[in-house]
C-alpha atoms as a PDB file:
ATOM      1  CA  UNK A   1      -0.013  -0.051  -0.302  1.00  0.00           C
ATOM      2  CA  UNK A   2       2.625   1.979   0.823  1.00  0.00           C
ATOM      3  CA  UNK A   3       4.418   1.836  -3.417  1.00  0.00           C
ATOM      4  CA  UNK A   4       0.704   2.473  -3.994  1.00  0.00           C
ATOM      5  CA  UNK A   5       0.749   5.886  -2.124  1.00  0.00           C
ATOM      6  CA  UNK A   6       3.824   7.152  -3.460  1.00  0.00           C
ATOM      7  CA  UNK A   7       3.240   6.133  -6.933  1.00  0.00           C
ATOM      8  CA  UNK A   8      -0.157   8.858  -5.934  1.00  0.00           C
ATOM      9  CA  UNK A   9       2.096  11.365  -5.281  1.00  0.00           C
ATOM     10  CA  UNK A  10       4.269  11.077  -7.846  1.00  0.00           C
ATOM     11  CA  UNK A  11       1.568  10.941 -10.463  1.00  0.00           C
ATOM     12  CA  UNK A  12       0.870  14.058  -8.408  1.00  0.00           C
ATOM     13  CA  UNK A  13       3.589  15.712  -9.096  1.00  0.00           C
ATOM     14  CA  UNK A  14       4.313  15.460 -12.113  1.00  0.00           C
ATOM     15  CA  UNK A  15       0.190  16.971 -13.020  1.00  0.00           C
ATOM     16  CA  UNK A  16      -1.726  13.344 -13.218  1.00  0.00           C
ATOM     17  CA  UNK A  17      -5.414  14.112 -10.846  1.00  0.00           C
ATOM     18  CA  UNK A  18      -6.449  10.963  -8.715  1.00  0.00           C
ATOM     19  CA  UNK A  19      -8.924  10.739 -11.383  1.00  0.00           C
ATOM     20  CA  UNK A  20      -6.672   9.467 -14.771  1.00  0.00           C
ATOM     21  CA  UNK A  21      -5.168   6.732 -11.720  1.00  0.00           C
ATOM     22  CA  UNK A  22      -8.249   5.590 -11.208  1.00  0.00           C
ATOM     23  CA  UNK A  23      -9.448   5.581 -15.033  1.00  0.00           C
ATOM     24  CA  UNK A  24      -6.695   3.454 -15.640  1.00  0.00           C
ATOM     25  CA  UNK A  25      -7.333   0.925 -13.318  1.00  0.00           C
ATOM     26  CA  UNK A  26     -10.500   0.783 -14.206  1.00  0.00           C
ATOM     27  CA  UNK A  27      -9.800  -0.108 -17.788  1.00  0.00           C
ATOM     28  CA  UNK A  28      -7.505  -2.755 -16.578  1.00  0.00           C
ATOM     29  CA  UNK A  29      -9.647  -4.285 -14.367  1.00  0.00           C
ATOM     30  CA  UNK A  30     -12.051  -4.180 -17.313  1.00  0.00           C
ATOM     31  CA  UNK A  31     -10.269  -6.400 -19.385  1.00  0.00           C
ATOM     32  CA  UNK A  32      -8.652  -8.447 -17.411  1.00  0.00           C
ATOM     33  CA  UNK A  33     -12.890  -9.639 -16.759  1.00  0.00           C
ATOM     34  CA  UNK A  34     -13.374  -9.659 -20.166  1.00  0.00           C
ATOM     35  CA  UNK A  35     -10.759 -11.880 -20.717  1.00  0.00           C
ATOM     36  CA  UNK A  36     -11.571 -13.747 -17.071  1.00  0.00           C
ATOM     37  CA  UNK A  37     -15.239 -14.409 -18.765  1.00  0.00           C
ATOM     38  CA  UNK A  38     -14.172 -15.342 -22.337  1.00  0.00           C
ATOM     39  CA  UNK A  39     -12.265 -18.121 -21.046  1.00  0.00           C
ATOM     40  CA  UNK A  40     -14.905 -19.009 -18.558  1.00  0.00           C
ATOM     41  CA  UNK A  41     -16.762 -19.193 -21.324  1.00  0.00           C
ATOM     42  CA  UNK A  42     -14.547 -21.424 -24.019  1.00  0.00           C
ATOM     43  CA  UNK A  43     -13.762 -23.855 -21.182  1.00  0.00           C
ATOM     44  CA  UNK A  44     -17.439 -24.302 -19.863  1.00  0.00           C
ATOM     45  CA  UNK A  45     -18.230 -24.999 -23.821  1.00  0.00           C
ATOM     46  CA  UNK A  46     -14.863 -27.438 -23.952  1.00  0.00           C
ATOM     47  CA  UNK A  47     -16.617 -29.472 -20.850  1.00  0.00           C
ATOM     48  CA  UNK A  48     -19.887 -29.430 -22.325  1.00  0.00           C
ATOM     49  CA  UNK A  49     -21.456 -28.376 -18.511  1.00  0.00           C
ATOM     50  CA  UNK A  50     -25.025 -28.107 -19.014  1.00  0.00           C
ATOM     51  CA  UNK A  51     -25.752 -24.681 -17.881  1.00  0.00           C
ATOM     52  CA  UNK A  52     -23.407 -23.214 -21.425  1.00  0.00           C
ATOM     53  CA  UNK A  53     -25.422 -26.193 -23.596  1.00  0.00           C
ATOM     54  CA  UNK A  54     -28.678 -25.368 -22.162  1.00  0.00           C
ATOM     55  CA  UNK A  55     -28.252 -21.482 -22.345  1.00  0.00           C
ATOM     56  CA  UNK A  56     -27.595 -18.883 -25.242  1.00  0.00           C
ATOM     57  CA  UNK A  57     -24.180 -17.714 -24.884  1.00  0.00           C
ATOM     58  CA  UNK A  58     -25.306 -13.978 -24.841  1.00  0.00           C
ATOM     59  CA  UNK A  59     -26.825 -14.168 -22.179  1.00  0.00           C
ATOM     60  CA  UNK A  60     -23.812 -16.306 -19.838  1.00  0.00           C
ATOM     61  CA  UNK A  61     -21.545 -13.376 -21.142  1.00  0.00           C
ATOM     62  CA  UNK A  62     -23.600 -10.576 -19.791  1.00  0.00           C
ATOM     63  CA  UNK A  63     -24.095 -11.942 -16.607  1.00  0.00           C
ATOM     64  CA  UNK A  64     -20.662 -13.383 -15.941  1.00  0.00           C
ATOM     65  CA  UNK A  65     -19.138 -10.431 -17.331  1.00  0.00           C
ATOM     66  CA  UNK A  66     -21.808  -7.983 -15.326  1.00  0.00           C
ATOM     67  CA  UNK A  67     -21.235  -9.683 -12.110  1.00  0.00           C
ATOM     68  CA  UNK A  68     -17.205  -9.656 -12.518  1.00  0.00           C
ATOM     69  CA  UNK A  69     -17.579  -5.913 -13.236  1.00  0.00           C
ATOM     70  CA  UNK A  70     -19.391  -5.615 -10.012  1.00  0.00           C
ATOM     71  CA  UNK A  71     -16.963  -7.538  -8.668  1.00  0.00           C
ATOM     72  CA  UNK A  72     -14.054  -5.484  -9.721  1.00  0.00           C
ATOM     73  CA  UNK A  73     -16.004  -1.533  -8.281  1.00  0.00           C
ATOM     74  CA  UNK A  74     -16.533  -3.596  -5.234  1.00  0.00           C
ATOM     75  CA  UNK A  75     -12.711  -4.404  -5.208  1.00  0.00           C
ATOM     76  CA  UNK A  76     -12.193  -0.419  -5.646  1.00  0.00           C
ATOM     77  CA  UNK A  77     -14.104   0.576  -3.107  1.00  0.00           C
ATOM     78  CA  UNK A  78     -12.875  -1.871  -0.081  1.00  0.00           C
ATOM     79  CA  UNK A  79      -9.619  -0.676  -1.253  1.00  0.00           C
ATOM     80  CA  UNK A  80     -10.390   3.293  -0.385  1.00  0.00           C
ATOM     81  CA  UNK A  81     -12.007   1.875   3.082  1.00  0.00           C
ATOM     82  CA  UNK A  82      -8.946  -0.156   4.117  1.00  0.00           C
ATOM     83  CA  UNK A  83      -5.768   2.014   4.737  1.00  0.00           C
ATOM     84  CA  UNK A  84      -3.482  -1.455   4.861  1.00  0.00           C
END
């Protein structure tokens, strides 16, 4: 956590705002979430789980993506409230 604080302070010194810092992490979290959902969908179809066989791809993809994004944002909320 100490390194993160130094990073944010260093970014402020060169003129980068806290908003830019958080937008960067939102983008990174969204990309990783998207990749995780793709891997989960491929694995589910490869092993022919009943859920994946009986439900449309778009519905499952949307549900997993929205759930993952909610977890990303929950992690951001927790990381701002926890000091250590």
